[in-house]
N, C-alpha and C. Protein backbone atom coordinates (compact mmCIF):
# COMPACT_ATOMS: atom_id res chain seq x y z
N MET A 1 0.84 -1.18 0.00
CA MET A 1 0.00 0.00 0.00
C MET A 1 0.88 1.24 0.00
N PRO A 2 0.69 2.16 -0.94
CA PRO A 2 1.52 3.36 -1.01
C PRO A 2 1.35 4.25 0.22
N SER A 3 2.43 4.90 0.58
CA SER A 3 2.40 5.83 1.70
C SER A 3 2.00 7.21 1.18
N ASN A 4 1.29 7.98 1.99
CA ASN A 4 1.01 9.35 1.60
C ASN A 4 1.94 10.32 2.33
N PHE A 5 2.91 9.78 3.05
CA PHE A 5 3.88 10.60 3.77
C PHE A 5 4.98 11.05 2.82
N VAL A 6 5.35 12.32 2.91
CA VAL A 6 6.40 12.89 2.06
C VAL A 6 7.38 13.65 2.95
N HIS A 7 8.65 13.30 2.84
CA HIS A 7 9.70 14.03 3.56
C HIS A 7 9.96 15.34 2.82
N LEU A 8 9.83 16.48 3.52
CA LEU A 8 10.02 17.79 2.91
C LEU A 8 11.25 18.52 3.42
N HIS A 9 12.01 17.90 4.29
CA HIS A 9 13.23 18.49 4.85
C HIS A 9 14.28 17.39 4.88
N VAL A 10 15.05 17.30 3.80
CA VAL A 10 15.99 16.18 3.63
C VAL A 10 17.34 16.71 3.18
N HIS A 11 18.40 16.24 3.85
CA HIS A 11 19.76 16.63 3.49
C HIS A 11 20.49 15.44 2.88
N SER A 12 21.28 15.73 1.88
CA SER A 12 22.10 14.69 1.25
C SER A 12 23.56 14.91 1.63
N GLU A 13 24.44 14.18 0.96
CA GLU A 13 25.87 14.34 1.22
C GLU A 13 26.36 15.73 0.85
N TYR A 14 25.54 16.54 0.19
CA TYR A 14 25.93 17.91 -0.16
C TYR A 14 25.70 18.89 0.98
N SER A 15 25.10 18.45 2.07
CA SER A 15 25.00 19.26 3.29
C SER A 15 26.19 18.88 4.16
N LEU A 16 27.28 19.58 3.96
CA LEU A 16 28.55 19.21 4.60
C LEU A 16 28.42 19.18 6.12
N LEU A 17 28.97 18.13 6.71
CA LEU A 17 28.97 17.89 8.15
C LEU A 17 27.57 17.73 8.73
N ASP A 18 26.58 17.47 7.89
CA ASP A 18 25.22 17.32 8.38
C ASP A 18 24.49 16.17 7.70
N GLY A 19 24.54 16.10 6.38
CA GLY A 19 23.81 15.07 5.65
C GLY A 19 24.69 13.88 5.34
N ALA A 20 24.12 12.71 5.41
CA ALA A 20 24.87 11.49 5.11
C ALA A 20 24.23 10.69 3.98
N CYS A 21 23.06 11.08 3.55
CA CYS A 21 22.32 10.32 2.54
C CYS A 21 22.94 10.50 1.16
N ARG A 22 23.12 9.41 0.47
CA ARG A 22 23.52 9.45 -0.93
C ARG A 22 22.23 9.52 -1.75
N ILE A 23 22.21 10.37 -2.75
CA ILE A 23 20.98 10.66 -3.47
C ILE A 23 20.33 9.41 -4.07
N LYS A 24 21.08 8.58 -4.76
CA LYS A 24 20.48 7.39 -5.40
C LYS A 24 19.86 6.46 -4.36
N GLU A 25 20.56 6.24 -3.25
CA GLU A 25 20.04 5.37 -2.20
C GLU A 25 18.82 5.99 -1.51
N LEU A 26 18.87 7.29 -1.31
CA LEU A 26 17.76 8.01 -0.70
C LEU A 26 16.49 7.88 -1.54
N VAL A 27 16.62 8.15 -2.83
CA VAL A 27 15.47 8.05 -3.73
C VAL A 27 15.00 6.60 -3.84
N GLY A 28 15.94 5.67 -3.89
CA GLY A 28 15.59 4.26 -3.95
C GLY A 28 14.78 3.82 -2.75
N ARG A 29 15.16 4.30 -1.58
CA ARG A 29 14.43 3.94 -0.36
C ARG A 29 13.03 4.55 -0.38
N ALA A 30 12.91 5.80 -0.85
CA ALA A 30 11.59 6.43 -0.95
C ALA A 30 10.69 5.63 -1.90
N ALA A 31 11.25 5.17 -3.00
CA ALA A 31 10.48 4.37 -3.96
C ALA A 31 10.08 3.04 -3.33
N GLU A 32 11.01 2.42 -2.62
CA GLU A 32 10.74 1.14 -1.94
C GLU A 32 9.59 1.28 -0.95
N LEU A 33 9.53 2.42 -0.26
CA LEU A 33 8.46 2.68 0.71
C LEU A 33 7.20 3.23 0.04
N GLU A 34 7.22 3.31 -1.27
CA GLU A 34 6.09 3.78 -2.08
C GLU A 34 5.67 5.20 -1.71
N MET A 35 6.65 6.03 -1.41
CA MET A 35 6.37 7.45 -1.15
C MET A 35 6.08 8.12 -2.50
N PRO A 36 5.06 8.94 -2.57
CA PRO A 36 4.71 9.56 -3.85
C PRO A 36 5.67 10.68 -4.26
N ALA A 37 6.36 11.29 -3.29
CA ALA A 37 7.24 12.43 -3.58
C ALA A 37 8.33 12.50 -2.52
N LEU A 38 9.34 13.31 -2.79
CA LEU A 38 10.46 13.49 -1.86
C LEU A 38 11.10 14.83 -2.16
N ALA A 39 11.49 15.56 -1.12
CA ALA A 39 12.18 16.84 -1.30
C ALA A 39 13.66 16.68 -1.01
N LEU A 40 14.45 17.55 -1.62
CA LEU A 40 15.87 17.66 -1.30
C LEU A 40 16.11 19.11 -0.88
N THR A 41 16.58 19.30 0.36
CA THR A 41 16.75 20.65 0.92
C THR A 41 18.11 20.77 1.60
N ASP A 42 19.16 20.67 0.81
CA ASP A 42 20.50 20.78 1.39
C ASP A 42 20.75 22.18 1.94
N HIS A 43 21.71 22.27 2.85
CA HIS A 43 22.06 23.53 3.50
C HIS A 43 22.77 24.48 2.54
N GLY A 44 22.11 25.56 2.17
CA GLY A 44 22.75 26.66 1.46
C GLY A 44 23.14 26.41 0.02
N VAL A 45 22.96 25.20 -0.49
CA VAL A 45 23.38 24.88 -1.86
C VAL A 45 22.35 23.98 -2.53
N MET A 46 22.49 23.90 -3.85
CA MET A 46 21.61 23.02 -4.63
C MET A 46 22.45 22.11 -5.53
N TYR A 47 23.61 21.71 -5.07
CA TYR A 47 24.52 20.90 -5.88
C TYR A 47 23.89 19.59 -6.34
N GLY A 48 23.03 19.01 -5.54
CA GLY A 48 22.46 17.72 -5.86
C GLY A 48 21.17 17.76 -6.65
N ALA A 49 20.68 18.95 -7.00
CA ALA A 49 19.35 19.10 -7.59
C ALA A 49 19.15 18.29 -8.87
N ILE A 50 20.08 18.37 -9.79
CA ILE A 50 19.90 17.69 -11.09
C ILE A 50 19.95 16.18 -10.91
N GLY A 51 20.93 15.69 -10.17
CA GLY A 51 21.02 14.24 -9.93
C GLY A 51 19.80 13.72 -9.18
N PHE A 52 19.33 14.50 -8.21
CA PHE A 52 18.14 14.14 -7.45
C PHE A 52 16.92 14.07 -8.37
N TYR A 53 16.76 15.08 -9.20
CA TYR A 53 15.63 15.15 -10.12
C TYR A 53 15.62 13.93 -11.05
N LYS A 54 16.76 13.63 -11.62
CA LYS A 54 16.86 12.49 -12.54
C LYS A 54 16.61 11.17 -11.82
N ALA A 55 17.15 11.02 -10.62
CA ALA A 55 16.95 9.79 -9.85
C ALA A 55 15.48 9.62 -9.50
N CYS A 56 14.81 10.70 -9.13
CA CYS A 56 13.38 10.63 -8.80
C CYS A 56 12.56 10.23 -10.01
N LEU A 57 12.83 10.84 -11.16
CA LEU A 57 12.07 10.48 -12.36
C LEU A 57 12.26 9.01 -12.70
N ALA A 58 13.48 8.52 -12.60
CA ALA A 58 13.76 7.11 -12.90
C ALA A 58 13.03 6.18 -11.93
N ALA A 59 12.86 6.62 -10.68
CA ALA A 59 12.22 5.79 -9.65
C ALA A 59 10.72 6.05 -9.54
N LYS A 60 10.20 6.94 -10.37
CA LYS A 60 8.77 7.29 -10.35
C LYS A 60 8.34 7.89 -9.00
N VAL A 61 9.22 8.73 -8.46
CA VAL A 61 8.96 9.50 -7.24
C VAL A 61 8.97 10.97 -7.65
N LYS A 62 7.95 11.72 -7.27
CA LYS A 62 7.90 13.13 -7.64
C LYS A 62 9.00 13.90 -6.91
N PRO A 63 9.89 14.57 -7.66
CA PRO A 63 10.94 15.35 -7.00
C PRO A 63 10.43 16.73 -6.58
N ILE A 64 10.79 17.13 -5.39
CA ILE A 64 10.50 18.48 -4.91
C ILE A 64 11.85 19.13 -4.62
N LEU A 65 12.17 20.15 -5.38
CA LEU A 65 13.47 20.80 -5.24
C LEU A 65 13.39 21.94 -4.24
N GLY A 66 14.36 21.98 -3.35
CA GLY A 66 14.36 23.01 -2.33
C GLY A 66 15.74 23.28 -1.81
N CYS A 67 15.80 24.07 -0.75
CA CYS A 67 17.06 24.40 -0.10
C CYS A 67 16.75 24.88 1.31
N GLU A 68 17.58 24.50 2.24
CA GLU A 68 17.50 25.08 3.59
C GLU A 68 18.50 26.22 3.61
N VAL A 69 17.99 27.44 3.49
CA VAL A 69 18.86 28.61 3.40
C VAL A 69 19.20 29.11 4.80
N TYR A 70 20.30 29.85 4.86
CA TYR A 70 20.72 30.51 6.09
C TYR A 70 20.29 31.96 6.01
N CYS A 71 19.55 32.42 7.02
CA CYS A 71 19.05 33.80 7.04
C CYS A 71 19.97 34.66 7.89
N ALA A 72 20.36 35.80 7.33
CA ALA A 72 21.21 36.75 8.05
C ALA A 72 20.41 37.40 9.18
N THR A 73 21.09 37.75 10.25
CA THR A 73 20.42 38.43 11.36
C THR A 73 20.00 39.84 10.98
N ARG A 74 20.76 40.47 10.09
CA ARG A 74 20.40 41.81 9.61
C ARG A 74 20.20 41.72 8.10
N THR A 75 21.19 42.09 7.31
CA THR A 75 21.09 41.93 5.86
C THR A 75 22.21 41.02 5.38
N ARG A 76 22.08 40.52 4.17
CA ARG A 76 23.10 39.62 3.63
C ARG A 76 24.41 40.35 3.35
N PHE A 77 24.41 41.66 3.38
CA PHE A 77 25.61 42.44 3.09
C PHE A 77 26.38 42.81 4.36
N ASP A 78 25.74 42.70 5.53
CA ASP A 78 26.39 43.06 6.79
C ASP A 78 27.39 41.99 7.20
N ARG A 79 28.56 42.45 7.68
CA ARG A 79 29.62 41.51 8.04
C ARG A 79 30.36 41.95 9.31
N ASP A 80 29.63 42.17 10.34
CA ASP A 80 30.22 42.52 11.63
C ASP A 80 30.37 41.24 12.44
N SER A 81 31.57 40.99 12.94
CA SER A 81 31.82 39.71 13.62
C SER A 81 30.99 39.54 14.88
N GLU A 82 30.56 40.61 15.51
CA GLU A 82 29.73 40.51 16.71
C GLU A 82 28.25 40.33 16.36
N LEU A 83 27.78 41.02 15.34
CA LEU A 83 26.35 41.08 15.04
C LEU A 83 25.88 40.10 13.98
N ASP A 84 26.77 39.62 13.13
CA ASP A 84 26.32 38.91 11.93
C ASP A 84 26.77 37.45 11.82
N ARG A 85 27.29 36.87 12.89
CA ARG A 85 27.66 35.46 12.83
C ARG A 85 26.47 34.55 13.03
N GLY A 86 25.45 35.01 13.74
CA GLY A 86 24.26 34.21 13.98
C GLY A 86 23.45 34.03 12.71
N LEU A 87 22.85 32.87 12.57
CA LEU A 87 22.05 32.56 11.39
C LEU A 87 20.78 31.86 11.82
N GLY A 88 19.75 32.01 11.01
CA GLY A 88 18.52 31.25 11.20
C GLY A 88 18.23 30.43 9.96
N HIS A 89 17.83 29.20 10.12
CA HIS A 89 17.52 28.35 8.98
C HIS A 89 16.09 28.61 8.49
N LEU A 90 15.88 28.42 7.20
CA LEU A 90 14.57 28.54 6.58
C LEU A 90 14.53 27.58 5.39
N VAL A 91 13.51 26.74 5.35
CA VAL A 91 13.38 25.79 4.23
C VAL A 91 12.52 26.43 3.14
N LEU A 92 13.04 26.40 1.92
CA LEU A 92 12.32 26.90 0.75
C LEU A 92 12.11 25.75 -0.22
N LEU A 93 10.88 25.61 -0.71
CA LEU A 93 10.53 24.55 -1.67
C LEU A 93 9.94 25.19 -2.92
N ALA A 94 10.40 24.73 -4.08
CA ALA A 94 9.85 25.23 -5.34
C ALA A 94 8.56 24.48 -5.64
N LYS A 95 7.49 25.23 -5.91
CA LYS A 95 6.24 24.57 -6.25
C LYS A 95 5.98 24.55 -7.75
N ASP A 96 6.81 25.24 -8.53
CA ASP A 96 6.67 25.24 -9.98
C ASP A 96 7.99 25.72 -10.59
N MET A 97 8.02 25.87 -11.92
CA MET A 97 9.26 26.27 -12.60
C MET A 97 9.68 27.67 -12.17
N THR A 98 8.74 28.57 -11.99
CA THR A 98 9.08 29.93 -11.53
C THR A 98 9.75 29.85 -10.16
N GLY A 99 9.20 29.02 -9.28
CA GLY A 99 9.79 28.84 -7.97
C GLY A 99 11.19 28.27 -8.05
N TYR A 100 11.40 27.30 -8.92
CA TYR A 100 12.74 26.72 -9.09
C TYR A 100 13.72 27.79 -9.57
N GLN A 101 13.32 28.58 -10.55
CA GLN A 101 14.18 29.64 -11.05
C GLN A 101 14.48 30.67 -9.97
N ASN A 102 13.46 31.03 -9.19
CA ASN A 102 13.67 31.98 -8.10
C ASN A 102 14.54 31.40 -7.00
N LEU A 103 14.37 30.12 -6.72
CA LEU A 103 15.21 29.46 -5.72
C LEU A 103 16.68 29.49 -6.15
N MET A 104 16.93 29.24 -7.43
CA MET A 104 18.31 29.31 -7.94
C MET A 104 18.86 30.73 -7.79
N LYS A 105 18.04 31.74 -8.04
CA LYS A 105 18.49 33.13 -7.89
C LYS A 105 18.81 33.44 -6.43
N ILE A 106 17.96 32.98 -5.52
CA ILE A 106 18.19 33.21 -4.09
C ILE A 106 19.49 32.54 -3.65
N VAL A 107 19.67 31.28 -4.00
CA VAL A 107 20.86 30.54 -3.56
C VAL A 107 22.12 31.13 -4.19
N THR A 108 22.04 31.54 -5.44
CA THR A 108 23.19 32.15 -6.10
C THR A 108 23.57 33.46 -5.41
N SER A 109 22.59 34.31 -5.15
CA SER A 109 22.87 35.58 -4.49
C SER A 109 23.39 35.36 -3.07
N ALA A 110 22.85 34.37 -2.38
CA ALA A 110 23.33 34.05 -1.02
C ALA A 110 24.80 33.70 -1.04
N ASN A 111 25.23 32.98 -2.06
CA ASN A 111 26.63 32.57 -2.15
C ASN A 111 27.53 33.69 -2.67
N LEU A 112 27.05 34.48 -3.62
CA LEU A 112 27.88 35.53 -4.21
C LEU A 112 27.87 36.82 -3.38
N ASP A 113 26.70 37.25 -2.95
CA ASP A 113 26.58 38.54 -2.25
C ASP A 113 26.54 38.39 -0.73
N GLY A 114 25.97 37.31 -0.24
CA GLY A 114 25.71 37.18 1.18
C GLY A 114 26.69 36.32 1.95
N PHE A 115 27.70 35.78 1.29
CA PHE A 115 28.56 34.83 1.99
C PHE A 115 29.38 35.51 3.09
N TYR A 116 29.15 35.06 4.30
CA TYR A 116 29.92 35.46 5.48
C TYR A 116 29.85 34.29 6.43
N TYR A 117 30.86 33.48 6.47
CA TYR A 117 30.90 32.19 7.14
C TYR A 117 30.07 31.14 6.37
N LYS A 118 28.88 31.53 5.96
CA LYS A 118 27.99 30.66 5.18
C LYS A 118 27.21 31.54 4.20
N PRO A 119 26.62 30.93 3.17
CA PRO A 119 25.81 31.73 2.24
C PRO A 119 24.52 32.19 2.92
N ARG A 120 24.26 33.52 2.90
CA ARG A 120 23.13 34.06 3.67
C ARG A 120 22.13 34.79 2.77
N VAL A 121 20.87 34.68 3.15
CA VAL A 121 19.79 35.44 2.51
C VAL A 121 19.28 36.46 3.50
N ASP A 122 18.45 37.37 3.01
CA ASP A 122 17.79 38.32 3.89
C ASP A 122 16.36 38.54 3.39
N THR A 123 15.60 39.33 4.12
CA THR A 123 14.19 39.52 3.76
C THR A 123 14.04 40.23 2.42
N GLU A 124 14.96 41.11 2.07
CA GLU A 124 14.89 41.77 0.77
C GLU A 124 14.98 40.75 -0.36
N LEU A 125 15.95 39.86 -0.28
CA LEU A 125 16.16 38.84 -1.31
C LEU A 125 14.96 37.88 -1.38
N LEU A 126 14.46 37.47 -0.22
CA LEU A 126 13.30 36.58 -0.18
C LEU A 126 12.07 37.25 -0.78
N GLY A 127 11.88 38.51 -0.46
CA GLY A 127 10.74 39.24 -1.00
C GLY A 127 10.83 39.42 -2.51
N GLN A 128 12.03 39.64 -2.99
CA GLN A 128 12.24 39.86 -4.42
C GLN A 128 11.94 38.60 -5.24
N TYR A 129 12.27 37.43 -4.69
CA TYR A 129 12.15 36.17 -5.44
C TYR A 129 11.20 35.17 -4.79
N ARG A 130 10.16 35.63 -4.15
CA ARG A 130 9.24 34.75 -3.42
C ARG A 130 8.27 33.98 -4.30
N GLU A 131 8.03 34.45 -5.50
CA GLU A 131 7.02 33.83 -6.36
C GLU A 131 7.35 32.36 -6.64
N GLY A 132 6.35 31.51 -6.49
CA GLY A 132 6.52 30.09 -6.76
C GLY A 132 7.19 29.31 -5.65
N LEU A 133 7.37 29.93 -4.49
CA LEU A 133 8.06 29.26 -3.38
C LEU A 133 7.13 29.03 -2.20
N ILE A 134 7.39 27.94 -1.51
CA ILE A 134 6.76 27.63 -0.23
C ILE A 134 7.87 27.70 0.81
N ALA A 135 7.59 28.31 1.95
CA ALA A 135 8.57 28.43 3.03
C ALA A 135 8.12 27.63 4.24
N SER A 136 9.09 27.09 4.94
CA SER A 136 8.86 26.37 6.19
C SER A 136 9.83 26.90 7.23
N THR A 137 9.38 27.03 8.46
CA THR A 137 10.18 27.64 9.52
C THR A 137 11.39 26.82 9.95
N ALA A 138 11.55 25.64 9.41
CA ALA A 138 12.73 24.80 9.64
C ALA A 138 12.80 24.25 11.07
N CYS A 139 13.95 23.75 11.39
CA CYS A 139 14.21 23.09 12.68
C CYS A 139 14.37 24.12 13.79
N GLN A 140 14.89 23.70 14.92
CA GLN A 140 15.08 24.63 16.03
C GLN A 140 16.16 25.65 15.72
N GLN A 141 16.90 25.46 14.63
CA GLN A 141 17.90 26.44 14.22
C GLN A 141 17.30 27.57 13.39
N GLY A 142 16.02 27.47 13.06
CA GLY A 142 15.33 28.59 12.43
C GLY A 142 15.11 29.67 13.47
N PHE A 143 14.92 30.91 13.01
CA PHE A 143 14.72 31.99 13.98
C PHE A 143 13.50 31.75 14.86
N ALA A 144 12.42 31.22 14.30
CA ALA A 144 11.24 30.94 15.12
C ALA A 144 11.60 29.98 16.25
N GLY A 145 12.31 28.91 15.93
CA GLY A 145 12.74 27.95 16.93
C GLY A 145 13.69 28.55 17.95
N GLN A 146 14.62 29.37 17.49
CA GLN A 146 15.56 30.00 18.41
C GLN A 146 14.84 30.91 19.40
N TYR A 147 13.87 31.67 18.91
CA TYR A 147 13.12 32.56 19.80
C TYR A 147 12.28 31.77 20.80
N ILE A 148 11.71 30.67 20.36
CA ILE A 148 10.94 29.82 21.28
C ILE A 148 11.84 29.26 22.36
N LEU A 149 13.03 28.81 21.98
CA LEU A 149 13.97 28.28 22.98
C LEU A 149 14.42 29.37 23.96
N GLN A 150 14.43 30.62 23.50
CA GLN A 150 14.77 31.75 24.38
C GLN A 150 13.55 32.23 25.17
N GLU A 151 12.41 31.52 24.97
CA GLU A 151 11.14 31.85 25.63
C GLU A 151 10.66 33.25 25.27
N ASP A 152 10.90 33.64 24.02
CA ASP A 152 10.45 34.94 23.51
C ASP A 152 9.38 34.69 22.44
N MET A 153 8.18 34.32 22.91
CA MET A 153 7.09 33.98 21.99
C MET A 153 6.64 35.18 21.17
N ALA A 154 6.72 36.37 21.73
CA ALA A 154 6.32 37.56 20.97
C ALA A 154 7.22 37.74 19.76
N ARG A 155 8.50 37.56 19.95
CA ARG A 155 9.44 37.70 18.83
C ARG A 155 9.27 36.56 17.83
N ALA A 156 8.98 35.36 18.30
CA ALA A 156 8.73 34.23 17.40
C ALA A 156 7.51 34.52 16.53
N ARG A 157 6.44 35.03 17.14
CA ARG A 157 5.23 35.37 16.38
C ARG A 157 5.51 36.48 15.37
N GLN A 158 6.27 37.48 15.79
CA GLN A 158 6.61 38.59 14.90
C GLN A 158 7.41 38.08 13.70
N TYR A 159 8.33 37.18 13.94
CA TYR A 159 9.13 36.61 12.86
C TYR A 159 8.24 35.84 11.88
N VAL A 160 7.37 35.01 12.41
CA VAL A 160 6.48 34.21 11.55
C VAL A 160 5.54 35.13 10.76
N GLU A 161 5.03 36.17 11.40
CA GLU A 161 4.18 37.13 10.69
C GLU A 161 4.94 37.80 9.55
N GLY A 162 6.21 38.11 9.79
CA GLY A 162 7.05 38.68 8.73
C GLY A 162 7.20 37.73 7.55
N LEU A 163 7.38 36.44 7.84
CA LEU A 163 7.46 35.44 6.76
C LEU A 163 6.13 35.35 6.01
N ALA A 164 5.02 35.42 6.75
CA ALA A 164 3.69 35.38 6.12
C ALA A 164 3.50 36.59 5.21
N ASP A 165 4.03 37.73 5.62
CA ASP A 165 3.95 38.93 4.77
C ASP A 165 4.74 38.73 3.47
N ILE A 166 5.85 38.03 3.55
CA ILE A 166 6.68 37.79 2.35
C ILE A 166 6.05 36.74 1.45
N PHE A 167 5.74 35.58 2.00
CA PHE A 167 5.34 34.43 1.18
C PHE A 167 3.83 34.26 1.05
N GLY A 168 3.06 34.91 1.93
CA GLY A 168 1.62 34.69 1.98
C GLY A 168 1.32 33.54 2.92
N ARG A 169 0.20 33.62 3.60
CA ARG A 169 -0.15 32.58 4.58
C ARG A 169 -0.31 31.20 3.96
N ASP A 170 -0.74 31.14 2.72
CA ASP A 170 -0.93 29.84 2.06
C ASP A 170 0.38 29.19 1.64
N ASN A 171 1.47 29.92 1.70
CA ASN A 171 2.77 29.40 1.28
C ASN A 171 3.77 29.35 2.43
N LEU A 172 3.28 29.37 3.66
CA LEU A 172 4.15 29.32 4.83
C LEU A 172 3.66 28.23 5.78
N TYR A 173 4.58 27.40 6.23
CA TYR A 173 4.26 26.31 7.15
C TYR A 173 5.18 26.35 8.36
N LEU A 174 4.59 26.05 9.51
CA LEU A 174 5.37 25.92 10.74
C LEU A 174 5.87 24.48 10.81
N GLU A 175 7.14 24.31 10.73
CA GLU A 175 7.72 22.96 10.71
C GLU A 175 7.94 22.46 12.12
N VAL A 176 7.52 21.24 12.36
CA VAL A 176 7.78 20.59 13.64
C VAL A 176 8.53 19.29 13.39
N MET A 177 9.42 18.98 14.29
CA MET A 177 10.22 17.75 14.20
C MET A 177 10.14 17.05 15.54
N ASP A 178 10.32 15.73 15.50
CA ASP A 178 10.39 14.98 16.75
C ASP A 178 11.37 13.82 16.58
N HIS A 179 12.61 14.10 16.94
CA HIS A 179 13.65 13.07 16.98
C HIS A 179 13.94 12.70 18.43
N ASP A 180 13.00 13.03 19.30
CA ASP A 180 13.08 12.75 20.73
C ASP A 180 14.18 13.56 21.42
N TYR A 181 14.42 14.80 20.90
CA TYR A 181 15.34 15.74 21.55
C TYR A 181 14.51 16.74 22.35
N PRO A 182 14.92 17.05 23.56
CA PRO A 182 14.14 17.99 24.38
C PRO A 182 13.90 19.35 23.70
N ASP A 183 14.93 19.91 23.05
CA ASP A 183 14.75 21.21 22.39
C ASP A 183 13.73 21.13 21.26
N GLU A 184 13.73 20.04 20.51
CA GLU A 184 12.74 19.88 19.44
C GLU A 184 11.33 19.83 20.01
N LYS A 185 11.18 19.14 21.11
CA LYS A 185 9.85 19.05 21.74
C LYS A 185 9.37 20.43 22.20
N LYS A 186 10.28 21.21 22.78
CA LYS A 186 9.93 22.56 23.24
C LYS A 186 9.55 23.45 22.07
N VAL A 187 10.33 23.38 20.98
CA VAL A 187 10.05 24.19 19.80
C VAL A 187 8.71 23.76 19.16
N ALA A 188 8.49 22.47 19.05
CA ALA A 188 7.22 21.98 18.47
C ALA A 188 6.04 22.45 19.30
N ALA A 189 6.14 22.36 20.63
CA ALA A 189 5.05 22.81 21.49
C ALA A 189 4.82 24.31 21.32
N GLY A 190 5.88 25.08 21.18
CA GLY A 190 5.75 26.53 20.99
C GLY A 190 5.13 26.87 19.65
N LYS A 191 5.46 26.12 18.61
CA LYS A 191 4.90 26.40 17.29
C LYS A 191 3.43 26.00 17.21
N ILE A 192 3.05 24.98 17.96
CA ILE A 192 1.67 24.53 17.96
C ILE A 192 0.79 25.45 18.80
N ALA A 193 1.37 26.05 19.83
CA ALA A 193 0.61 26.90 20.77
C ALA A 193 0.04 28.13 20.15
């Protein structure tokens, strides 16, 4: 019986020091489990997108192309060692060809213009290329999760409202995870509240 579950936050070997999945094996396992679709959301890059897309088509699994981008605390151009080392994660998924093209523009600009320790985006860049994209608040390393862990629910709500203003409420999702880590449980409870 086919599964209706779809992984939308997945890292491959292209997420350095984080992902361990090899794309062909990852897609093969999704096909084996009869998953209808699978996303690839590596950290800050889209190196695996073409191979992932081809592997999914061969396995009859719908590919969803995405990226877990790093959000700058201020702007992608700021580079103050005290103020700009912190980052928040944000998952972006392309829902159509326009979204894929915009995602490539965002990731390219993050690497060329925003690189400071890691490739960074900002609200200006997200607003400019939001069309065709779905956003997810990501793991506890997203700003929403970080604010919840700091017990600053007002700031978490303000951040999420800002994302809703950029992407629209229909294109924004509060991501929850449960790998049985205490911080994940706290963040999930805060996002659900």
